[in-house]
Amino acid sequence: MTREYIRHPGAVAIVALDEQRQVAMVNQYRHPVRQDCWEIPAGLLDVPGESLVAAAHRELAEEADLIADNWSVLVDHYPSGGSSSEAIRIFLAQDLRQVPTGERHTREAEEHHLIMRWVPLEELLDAVLAGDIRNANAVAGIMAAHLVAQRGQPARPVDAPFR
């Protein structure tokens, strides 16, 4: 039997949660669905030898101009296991601060018009259930972050094996 599928380098996504239980959300145009989409910061594992958590640090700084001192793992998933090898780890980032102005990433191409907004976690839960947030990483990350916060139990450590 022959199967065709897309080989994918993998990706990371980040739920950046501040002390007021607000999440850093980014809005950008996604051509395949021809919509501006609200998402959590995310990006490809496209730097050779870079660890998952290092990629998450990089993407959070690039897309949201944020640095986090506290990291844990919320969710590991295969967004389209029937057609792609893509594997995504979603991190929870806390104890946040701004990237200094002079050290911020210059946004180009599709990131040029990216908008970042802080949204209360409870409001995001309602948006997910109303169908207003359709990005799989955002849906999974928001739901998992809510459960972790609600239960008061820690998420997995950053070096946990991918499951």
N, C-alpha and C. Protein backbone atom coordinates (compact mmCIF):
# COMPACT_ATOMS: atom_id res chain seq x y z
N MET A 1 0.84 -1.17 0.00
CA MET A 1 0.00 0.00 0.00
C MET A 1 0.89 1.24 0.00
N THR A 2 0.53 2.20 -0.79
CA THR A 2 1.24 3.47 -0.85
C THR A 2 0.36 4.56 -0.25
N ARG A 3 0.98 5.38 0.58
CA ARG A 3 0.24 6.49 1.19
C ARG A 3 0.96 7.79 0.88
N GLU A 4 0.22 8.79 0.54
CA GLU A 4 0.79 10.11 0.34
C GLU A 4 0.45 10.96 1.55
N TYR A 5 1.45 11.71 2.01
CA TYR A 5 1.21 12.62 3.12
C TYR A 5 2.23 13.74 3.06
N ILE A 6 1.97 14.77 3.80
CA ILE A 6 2.84 15.94 3.86
C ILE A 6 3.86 15.74 4.97
N ARG A 7 5.14 15.85 4.62
CA ARG A 7 6.19 15.83 5.65
C ARG A 7 6.30 17.24 6.22
N HIS A 8 6.30 17.30 7.52
CA HIS A 8 6.25 18.60 8.19
C HIS A 8 7.31 18.64 9.28
N PRO A 9 8.00 19.78 9.46
CA PRO A 9 9.06 19.84 10.47
C PRO A 9 8.54 19.89 11.90
N GLY A 10 7.25 20.13 12.08
CA GLY A 10 6.68 20.29 13.42
C GLY A 10 6.58 21.75 13.78
N ALA A 11 5.94 22.01 14.91
CA ALA A 11 5.71 23.39 15.31
C ALA A 11 5.50 23.47 16.81
N VAL A 12 5.50 24.70 17.29
CA VAL A 12 5.19 24.98 18.69
C VAL A 12 4.14 26.08 18.71
N ALA A 13 3.38 26.14 19.80
CA ALA A 13 2.41 27.21 20.02
C ALA A 13 2.47 27.56 21.50
N ILE A 14 2.05 28.78 21.81
CA ILE A 14 2.22 29.28 23.17
C ILE A 14 0.97 29.97 23.68
N VAL A 15 0.48 29.53 24.85
CA VAL A 15 -0.53 30.27 25.59
C VAL A 15 0.23 31.12 26.59
N ALA A 16 0.33 32.42 26.30
CA ALA A 16 1.01 33.36 27.20
C ALA A 16 -0.05 33.94 28.13
N LEU A 17 0.01 33.55 29.39
CA LEU A 17 -1.02 33.89 30.38
C LEU A 17 -0.43 34.83 31.43
N ASP A 18 -1.04 36.02 31.55
CA ASP A 18 -0.51 36.99 32.52
C ASP A 18 -1.17 36.82 33.89
N GLU A 19 -0.79 37.67 34.84
CA GLU A 19 -1.27 37.57 36.22
C GLU A 19 -2.77 37.85 36.33
N GLN A 20 -3.35 38.56 35.36
CA GLN A 20 -4.78 38.86 35.37
C GLN A 20 -5.59 37.80 34.61
N ARG A 21 -4.98 36.68 34.30
CA ARG A 21 -5.61 35.58 33.54
C ARG A 21 -6.05 36.05 32.15
N GLN A 22 -5.20 36.86 31.54
CA GLN A 22 -5.41 37.27 30.15
C GLN A 22 -4.39 36.55 29.28
N VAL A 23 -4.79 36.25 28.05
CA VAL A 23 -3.95 35.52 27.10
C VAL A 23 -3.56 36.45 25.95
N ALA A 24 -2.30 36.37 25.54
CA ALA A 24 -1.83 37.13 24.38
C ALA A 24 -2.33 36.42 23.12
N MET A 25 -3.21 37.08 22.38
CA MET A 25 -3.75 36.54 21.14
C MET A 25 -3.21 37.37 19.98
N VAL A 26 -2.93 36.70 18.87
CA VAL A 26 -2.46 37.40 17.68
C VAL A 26 -3.46 37.18 16.54
N ASN A 27 -3.62 38.21 15.73
CA ASN A 27 -4.52 38.15 14.60
C ASN A 27 -3.70 38.36 13.34
N GLN A 28 -3.85 37.42 12.40
CA GLN A 28 -3.17 37.57 11.13
C GLN A 28 -3.96 36.89 10.03
N TYR A 29 -3.72 37.37 8.81
CA TYR A 29 -4.42 36.83 7.65
C TYR A 29 -3.86 35.46 7.30
N ARG A 30 -4.75 34.50 7.07
CA ARG A 30 -4.37 33.14 6.66
C ARG A 30 -4.99 32.88 5.28
N HIS A 31 -4.13 32.87 4.28
CA HIS A 31 -4.62 32.76 2.90
C HIS A 31 -5.39 31.47 2.61
N PRO A 32 -4.96 30.29 3.08
CA PRO A 32 -5.72 29.08 2.74
C PRO A 32 -7.20 29.15 3.14
N VAL A 33 -7.51 29.83 4.25
CA VAL A 33 -8.91 29.97 4.67
C VAL A 33 -9.47 31.35 4.34
N ARG A 34 -8.62 32.21 3.77
CA ARG A 34 -8.99 33.56 3.33
C ARG A 34 -9.70 34.36 4.44
N GLN A 35 -9.07 34.33 5.61
CA GLN A 35 -9.62 35.04 6.76
C GLN A 35 -8.51 35.58 7.64
N ASP A 36 -8.85 36.64 8.37
CA ASP A 36 -8.01 37.06 9.48
C ASP A 36 -8.40 36.15 10.64
N CYS A 37 -7.42 35.53 11.26
CA CYS A 37 -7.69 34.55 12.31
C CYS A 37 -7.05 34.96 13.63
N TRP A 38 -7.81 34.80 14.72
CA TRP A 38 -7.25 34.98 16.05
C TRP A 38 -6.63 33.67 16.47
N GLU A 39 -5.36 33.75 16.88
CA GLU A 39 -4.58 32.56 17.22
C GLU A 39 -3.72 32.86 18.44
N ILE A 40 -3.09 31.82 18.97
CA ILE A 40 -2.03 32.02 19.95
C ILE A 40 -0.71 32.07 19.17
N PRO A 41 0.32 32.72 19.72
CA PRO A 41 1.60 32.74 19.01
C PRO A 41 2.07 31.31 18.70
N ALA A 42 2.62 31.12 17.51
CA ALA A 42 3.03 29.78 17.08
C ALA A 42 4.02 29.90 15.93
N GLY A 43 4.73 28.81 15.68
CA GLY A 43 5.64 28.82 14.55
C GLY A 43 6.29 27.47 14.33
N LEU A 44 6.94 27.38 13.19
CA LEU A 44 7.58 26.13 12.76
C LEU A 44 8.87 25.84 13.51
N LEU A 45 9.21 24.58 13.55
CA LEU A 45 10.52 24.14 14.03
C LEU A 45 11.45 24.19 12.82
N ASP A 46 11.88 25.39 12.47
CA ASP A 46 12.65 25.58 11.24
C ASP A 46 14.09 26.05 11.48
N VAL A 47 14.56 25.96 12.73
CA VAL A 47 15.94 26.29 13.04
C VAL A 47 16.64 24.98 13.42
N PRO A 48 17.60 24.52 12.63
CA PRO A 48 18.26 23.24 12.90
C PRO A 48 18.82 23.17 14.32
N GLY A 49 18.52 22.07 15.01
CA GLY A 49 19.05 21.82 16.35
C GLY A 49 18.34 22.56 17.47
N GLU A 50 17.36 23.39 17.15
CA GLU A 50 16.66 24.16 18.17
C GLU A 50 15.69 23.26 18.94
N SER A 51 15.70 23.35 20.26
CA SER A 51 14.78 22.57 21.08
C SER A 51 13.36 23.13 20.96
N LEU A 52 12.39 22.34 21.39
CA LEU A 52 11.00 22.79 21.34
C LEU A 52 10.80 24.05 22.19
N VAL A 53 11.34 24.05 23.40
CA VAL A 53 11.14 25.21 24.27
C VAL A 53 11.89 26.44 23.75
N ALA A 54 13.06 26.24 23.14
CA ALA A 54 13.78 27.37 22.55
C ALA A 54 12.99 27.95 21.38
N ALA A 55 12.37 27.10 20.58
CA ALA A 55 11.53 27.58 19.48
C ALA A 55 10.34 28.36 20.03
N ALA A 56 9.77 27.89 21.14
CA ALA A 56 8.65 28.60 21.76
C ALA A 56 9.08 29.97 22.27
N HIS A 57 10.25 30.05 22.90
CA HIS A 57 10.79 31.34 23.34
C HIS A 57 10.91 32.29 22.14
N ARG A 58 11.48 31.79 21.04
CA ARG A 58 11.69 32.60 19.84
C ARG A 58 10.36 33.09 19.26
N GLU A 59 9.41 32.19 19.12
CA GLU A 59 8.12 32.56 18.53
C GLU A 59 7.35 33.55 19.40
N LEU A 60 7.40 33.37 20.72
CA LEU A 60 6.71 34.30 21.61
C LEU A 60 7.30 35.71 21.49
N ALA A 61 8.61 35.78 21.41
CA ALA A 61 9.27 37.08 21.24
C ALA A 61 8.96 37.68 19.88
N GLU A 62 8.98 36.87 18.82
CA GLU A 62 8.75 37.38 17.46
C GLU A 62 7.32 37.86 17.25
N GLU A 63 6.34 37.11 17.74
CA GLU A 63 4.95 37.42 17.44
C GLU A 63 4.26 38.30 18.47
N ALA A 64 4.68 38.22 19.73
CA ALA A 64 3.99 38.97 20.78
C ALA A 64 4.90 39.94 21.53
N ASP A 65 6.18 39.99 21.17
CA ASP A 65 7.15 40.85 21.85
C ASP A 65 7.19 40.56 23.35
N LEU A 66 7.12 39.27 23.70
CA LEU A 66 7.10 38.87 25.10
C LEU A 66 8.21 37.88 25.42
N ILE A 67 8.65 37.94 26.68
CA ILE A 67 9.60 36.98 27.26
C ILE A 67 8.89 36.36 28.45
N ALA A 68 9.03 35.06 28.63
CA ALA A 68 8.42 34.38 29.78
C ALA A 68 9.51 33.71 30.61
N ASP A 69 9.36 33.79 31.92
CA ASP A 69 10.32 33.15 32.82
C ASP A 69 9.85 31.80 33.32
N ASN A 70 8.57 31.47 33.11
CA ASN A 70 8.01 30.22 33.61
C ASN A 70 7.33 29.49 32.45
N TRP A 71 7.82 28.28 32.15
CA TRP A 71 7.32 27.51 31.01
C TRP A 71 6.88 26.13 31.45
N SER A 72 5.80 25.63 30.84
CA SER A 72 5.36 24.26 31.05
C SER A 72 4.63 23.80 29.79
N VAL A 73 4.33 22.50 29.73
CA VAL A 73 3.68 21.91 28.55
C VAL A 73 2.20 21.71 28.83
N LEU A 74 1.36 22.21 27.94
CA LEU A 74 -0.08 22.02 28.06
C LEU A 74 -0.56 20.82 27.25
N VAL A 75 -0.24 20.79 25.96
CA VAL A 75 -0.82 19.80 25.04
C VAL A 75 0.19 19.44 23.96
N ASP A 76 0.22 18.17 23.59
CA ASP A 76 0.91 17.71 22.39
C ASP A 76 -0.16 17.16 21.46
N HIS A 77 -0.09 17.52 20.17
CA HIS A 77 -1.11 16.97 19.27
C HIS A 77 -0.62 16.88 17.83
N TYR A 78 -1.32 16.04 17.08
CA TYR A 78 -1.12 15.88 15.64
C TYR A 78 -2.35 16.49 14.97
N PRO A 79 -2.25 17.70 14.42
CA PRO A 79 -3.44 18.38 13.91
C PRO A 79 -4.11 17.70 12.73
N SER A 80 -3.37 16.93 11.97
CA SER A 80 -3.96 16.26 10.81
C SER A 80 -3.23 14.94 10.57
N GLY A 81 -3.30 14.05 11.54
CA GLY A 81 -2.55 12.80 11.51
C GLY A 81 -2.82 11.90 10.32
N GLY A 82 -3.92 12.10 9.63
CA GLY A 82 -4.22 11.29 8.46
C GLY A 82 -3.56 11.77 7.18
N SER A 83 -3.02 13.01 7.20
CA SER A 83 -2.44 13.53 5.97
C SER A 83 -1.12 14.26 6.15
N SER A 84 -0.65 14.39 7.40
CA SER A 84 0.56 15.15 7.64
C SER A 84 1.31 14.57 8.84
N SER A 85 2.64 14.70 8.81
CA SER A 85 3.46 14.26 9.94
C SER A 85 3.60 15.36 10.99
N GLU A 86 2.92 16.48 10.81
CA GLU A 86 3.05 17.61 11.73
C GLU A 86 2.70 17.22 13.16
N ALA A 87 3.59 17.56 14.07
CA ALA A 87 3.39 17.38 15.51
C ALA A 87 3.58 18.74 16.16
N ILE A 88 2.67 19.10 17.05
CA ILE A 88 2.73 20.42 17.69
C ILE A 88 2.71 20.27 19.20
N ARG A 89 3.60 21.00 19.85
CA ARG A 89 3.61 21.09 21.31
C ARG A 89 3.11 22.48 21.67
N ILE A 90 2.11 22.52 22.56
CA ILE A 90 1.58 23.79 23.03
C ILE A 90 2.07 24.02 24.46
N PHE A 91 2.75 25.14 24.63
CA PHE A 91 3.33 25.51 25.92
C PHE A 91 2.45 26.52 26.64
N LEU A 92 2.56 26.53 27.97
CA LEU A 92 2.01 27.59 28.81
C LEU A 92 3.19 28.46 29.23
N ALA A 93 3.12 29.75 28.93
CA ALA A 93 4.18 30.70 29.29
C ALA A 93 3.61 31.68 30.31
N GLN A 94 4.32 31.83 31.44
CA GLN A 94 3.87 32.74 32.50
C GLN A 94 5.04 33.58 32.99
N ASP A 95 4.76 34.48 33.92
CA ASP A 95 5.76 35.43 34.42
C ASP A 95 6.35 36.18 33.22
N LEU A 96 5.49 36.95 32.60
CA LEU A 96 5.79 37.59 31.32
C LEU A 96 6.32 39.01 31.48
N ARG A 97 7.14 39.40 30.52
CA ARG A 97 7.60 40.79 30.43
C ARG A 97 7.83 41.10 28.95
N GLN A 98 7.89 42.38 28.63
CA GLN A 98 8.08 42.83 27.26
C GLN A 98 9.53 42.65 26.81
N VAL A 99 9.70 42.31 25.54
CA VAL A 99 11.02 42.34 24.91
C VAL A 99 11.41 43.82 24.83
N PRO A 100 12.63 44.19 25.24
CA PRO A 100 13.04 45.60 25.12
C PRO A 100 12.86 46.10 23.69
N THR A 101 12.42 47.33 23.55
CA THR A 101 12.09 47.91 22.24
C THR A 101 13.19 47.71 21.21
N GLY A 102 14.43 47.96 21.55
CA GLY A 102 15.53 47.84 20.60
C GLY A 102 15.87 46.42 20.20
N GLU A 103 15.31 45.43 20.89
CA GLU A 103 15.61 44.02 20.61
C GLU A 103 14.46 43.30 19.93
N ARG A 104 13.41 44.02 19.57
CA ARG A 104 12.22 43.37 18.99
C ARG A 104 12.47 42.90 17.56
N HIS A 105 11.79 41.82 17.22
CA HIS A 105 11.86 41.20 15.90
C HIS A 105 11.20 42.13 14.87
N THR A 106 11.83 42.27 13.71
CA THR A 106 11.24 43.03 12.62
C THR A 106 10.29 42.10 11.87
N ARG A 107 9.02 42.45 11.88
CA ARG A 107 8.02 41.60 11.24
C ARG A 107 7.99 41.85 9.74
N GLU A 108 8.03 40.75 8.99
CA GLU A 108 8.02 40.84 7.53
C GLU A 108 6.96 39.89 6.98
N ALA A 109 6.69 40.01 5.71
CA ALA A 109 5.77 39.13 4.97
C ALA A 109 4.44 39.02 5.72
N GLU A 110 4.01 37.78 6.00
CA GLU A 110 2.69 37.59 6.59
C GLU A 110 2.59 38.11 8.02
N GLU A 111 3.71 38.29 8.69
CA GLU A 111 3.69 38.81 10.07
C GLU A 111 3.59 40.34 10.11
N HIS A 112 3.77 40.99 8.96
CA HIS A 112 3.84 42.46 8.93
C HIS A 112 2.60 43.12 9.53
N HIS A 113 1.43 42.58 9.27
CA HIS A 113 0.18 43.18 9.75
C HIS A 113 -0.35 42.49 11.00
N LEU A 114 0.47 41.71 11.64
CA LEU A 114 0.05 40.98 12.83
C LEU A 114 -0.36 41.95 13.94
N ILE A 115 -1.47 41.63 14.60
CA ILE A 115 -1.98 42.43 15.71
C ILE A 115 -1.97 41.56 16.96
N MET A 116 -1.49 42.10 18.09
CA MET A 116 -1.52 41.36 19.35
C MET A 116 -2.49 42.06 20.30
N ARG A 117 -3.27 41.25 21.00
CA ARG A 117 -4.26 41.78 21.95
C ARG A 117 -4.35 40.86 23.15
N TRP A 118 -4.49 41.43 24.34
CA TRP A 118 -4.71 40.66 25.56
C TRP A 118 -6.20 40.41 25.72
N VAL A 119 -6.58 39.14 25.93
CA VAL A 119 -7.98 38.77 26.07
C VAL A 119 -8.14 37.92 27.32
N PRO A 120 -9.14 38.23 28.17
CA PRO A 120 -9.36 37.40 29.35
C PRO A 120 -9.63 35.94 28.97
N LEU A 121 -9.05 35.02 29.73
CA LEU A 121 -9.20 33.59 29.46
C LEU A 121 -10.67 33.18 29.41
N GLU A 122 -11.48 33.70 30.32
CA GLU A 122 -12.92 33.36 30.33
C GLU A 122 -13.61 33.81 29.04
N GLU A 123 -13.24 34.97 28.54
CA GLU A 123 -13.81 35.47 27.28
C GLU A 123 -13.40 34.56 26.11
N LEU A 124 -12.17 34.08 26.15
CA LEU A 124 -11.70 33.17 25.10
C LEU A 124 -12.44 31.84 25.14
N LEU A 125 -12.75 31.34 26.33
CA LEU A 125 -13.54 30.11 26.44
C LEU A 125 -14.88 30.29 25.75
N ASP A 126 -15.54 31.41 26.02
CA ASP A 126 -16.82 31.69 25.37
C ASP A 126 -16.66 31.78 23.86
N ALA A 127 -15.58 32.42 23.40
CA ALA A 127 -15.34 32.56 21.96
C ALA A 127 -15.10 31.21 21.29
N VAL A 128 -14.38 30.31 21.98
CA VAL A 128 -14.17 28.96 21.45
C VAL A 128 -15.51 28.25 21.31
N LEU A 129 -16.32 28.27 22.36
CA LEU A 129 -17.60 27.55 22.34
C LEU A 129 -18.60 28.17 21.37
N ALA A 130 -18.46 29.47 21.09
CA ALA A 130 -19.34 30.14 20.13
C ALA A 130 -18.88 29.92 18.69
N GLY A 131 -17.70 29.32 18.50
CA GLY A 131 -17.19 29.09 17.16
C GLY A 131 -16.44 30.28 16.59
N ASP A 132 -16.12 31.26 17.42
CA ASP A 132 -15.41 32.44 16.94
C ASP A 132 -13.91 32.24 16.84
N ILE A 133 -13.38 31.27 17.56
CA ILE A 133 -11.96 30.90 17.44
C ILE A 133 -11.92 29.50 16.86
N ARG A 134 -11.31 29.38 15.68
CA ARG A 134 -11.31 28.10 14.97
C ARG A 134 -9.92 27.51 14.79
N ASN A 135 -8.89 28.24 15.18
CA ASN A 135 -7.53 27.73 15.08
C ASN A 135 -7.34 26.60 16.10
N ALA A 136 -6.92 25.42 15.63
CA ALA A 136 -6.83 24.24 16.49
C ALA A 136 -5.88 24.44 17.67
N ASN A 137 -4.74 25.09 17.43
CA ASN A 137 -3.81 25.33 18.54
C ASN A 137 -4.44 26.23 19.59
N ALA A 138 -5.13 27.27 19.15
CA ALA A 138 -5.77 28.18 20.10
C ALA A 138 -6.87 27.46 20.88
N VAL A 139 -7.70 26.69 20.19
CA VAL A 139 -8.77 25.96 20.87
C VAL A 139 -8.20 25.03 21.93
N ALA A 140 -7.25 24.19 21.54
CA ALA A 140 -6.67 23.23 22.48
C ALA A 140 -5.93 23.93 23.62
N GLY A 141 -5.15 24.95 23.28
CA GLY A 141 -4.37 25.66 24.29
C GLY A 141 -5.24 26.40 25.29
N ILE A 142 -6.27 27.07 24.80
CA ILE A 142 -7.17 27.82 25.68
C ILE A 142 -7.90 26.87 26.62
N MET A 143 -8.43 25.78 26.09
CA MET A 143 -9.15 24.82 26.93
C MET A 143 -8.22 24.20 27.97
N ALA A 144 -7.01 23.83 27.56
CA ALA A 144 -6.06 23.22 28.50
C ALA A 144 -5.61 24.22 29.56
N ALA A 145 -5.34 25.46 29.16
CA ALA A 145 -4.92 26.48 30.14
C ALA A 145 -6.03 26.73 31.16
N HIS A 146 -7.26 26.73 30.70
CA HIS A 146 -8.39 26.90 31.62
C HIS A 146 -8.44 25.76 32.63
N LEU A 147 -8.28 24.53 32.16
CA LEU A 147 -8.32 23.37 33.08
C LEU A 147 -7.18 23.42 34.09
N VAL A 148 -5.99 23.77 33.63
CA VAL A 148 -4.84 23.87 34.54
C VAL A 148 -5.11 24.93 35.60
N ALA A 149 -5.61 26.09 35.18
CA ALA A 149 -5.88 27.18 36.12
C ALA A 149 -7.02 26.81 37.08
N GLN A 150 -8.06 26.19 36.54
CA GLN A 150 -9.23 25.82 37.34
C GLN A 150 -8.89 24.77 38.39
N ARG A 151 -8.10 23.80 38.00
CA ARG A 151 -7.76 22.69 38.91
C ARG A 151 -6.60 23.02 39.84
N GLY A 152 -5.86 24.07 39.51
CA GLY A 152 -4.73 24.44 40.35
C GLY A 152 -3.60 23.43 40.34
N GLN A 153 -3.57 22.60 39.32
CA GLN A 153 -2.49 21.63 39.21
C GLN A 153 -1.53 22.06 38.12
N PRO A 154 -0.26 21.75 38.29
CA PRO A 154 0.71 22.19 37.29
C PRO A 154 0.57 21.43 35.97
N ALA A 155 0.95 22.11 34.90
CA ALA A 155 1.06 21.45 33.60
C ALA A 155 2.34 20.62 33.61
N ARG A 156 2.60 19.89 32.52
CA ARG A 156 3.80 19.05 32.46
C ARG A 156 5.07 19.88 32.34
N PRO A 157 6.20 19.34 32.80
CA PRO A 157 7.47 20.07 32.67
C PRO A 157 7.89 20.20 31.20
N VAL A 158 8.71 21.21 30.90
CA VAL A 158 9.11 21.48 29.51
C VAL A 158 9.89 20.33 28.88
N ASP A 159 10.52 19.50 29.69
CA ASP A 159 11.29 18.39 29.13
C ASP A 159 10.49 17.09 29.09
N ALA A 160 9.18 17.16 29.29
CA ALA A 160 8.34 15.96 29.22
C ALA A 160 8.39 15.39 27.81
N PRO A 161 8.37 14.06 27.69
CA PRO A 161 8.36 13.47 26.35
C PRO A 161 7.08 13.84 25.61
N PHE A 162 7.19 13.92 24.28
CA PHE A 162 6.01 14.22 23.45
C PHE A 162 5.04 13.06 23.55
N ARG A 163 3.78 13.34 23.85
CA ARG A 163 2.76 12.28 23.97
C ARG A 163 1.59 12.58 23.08
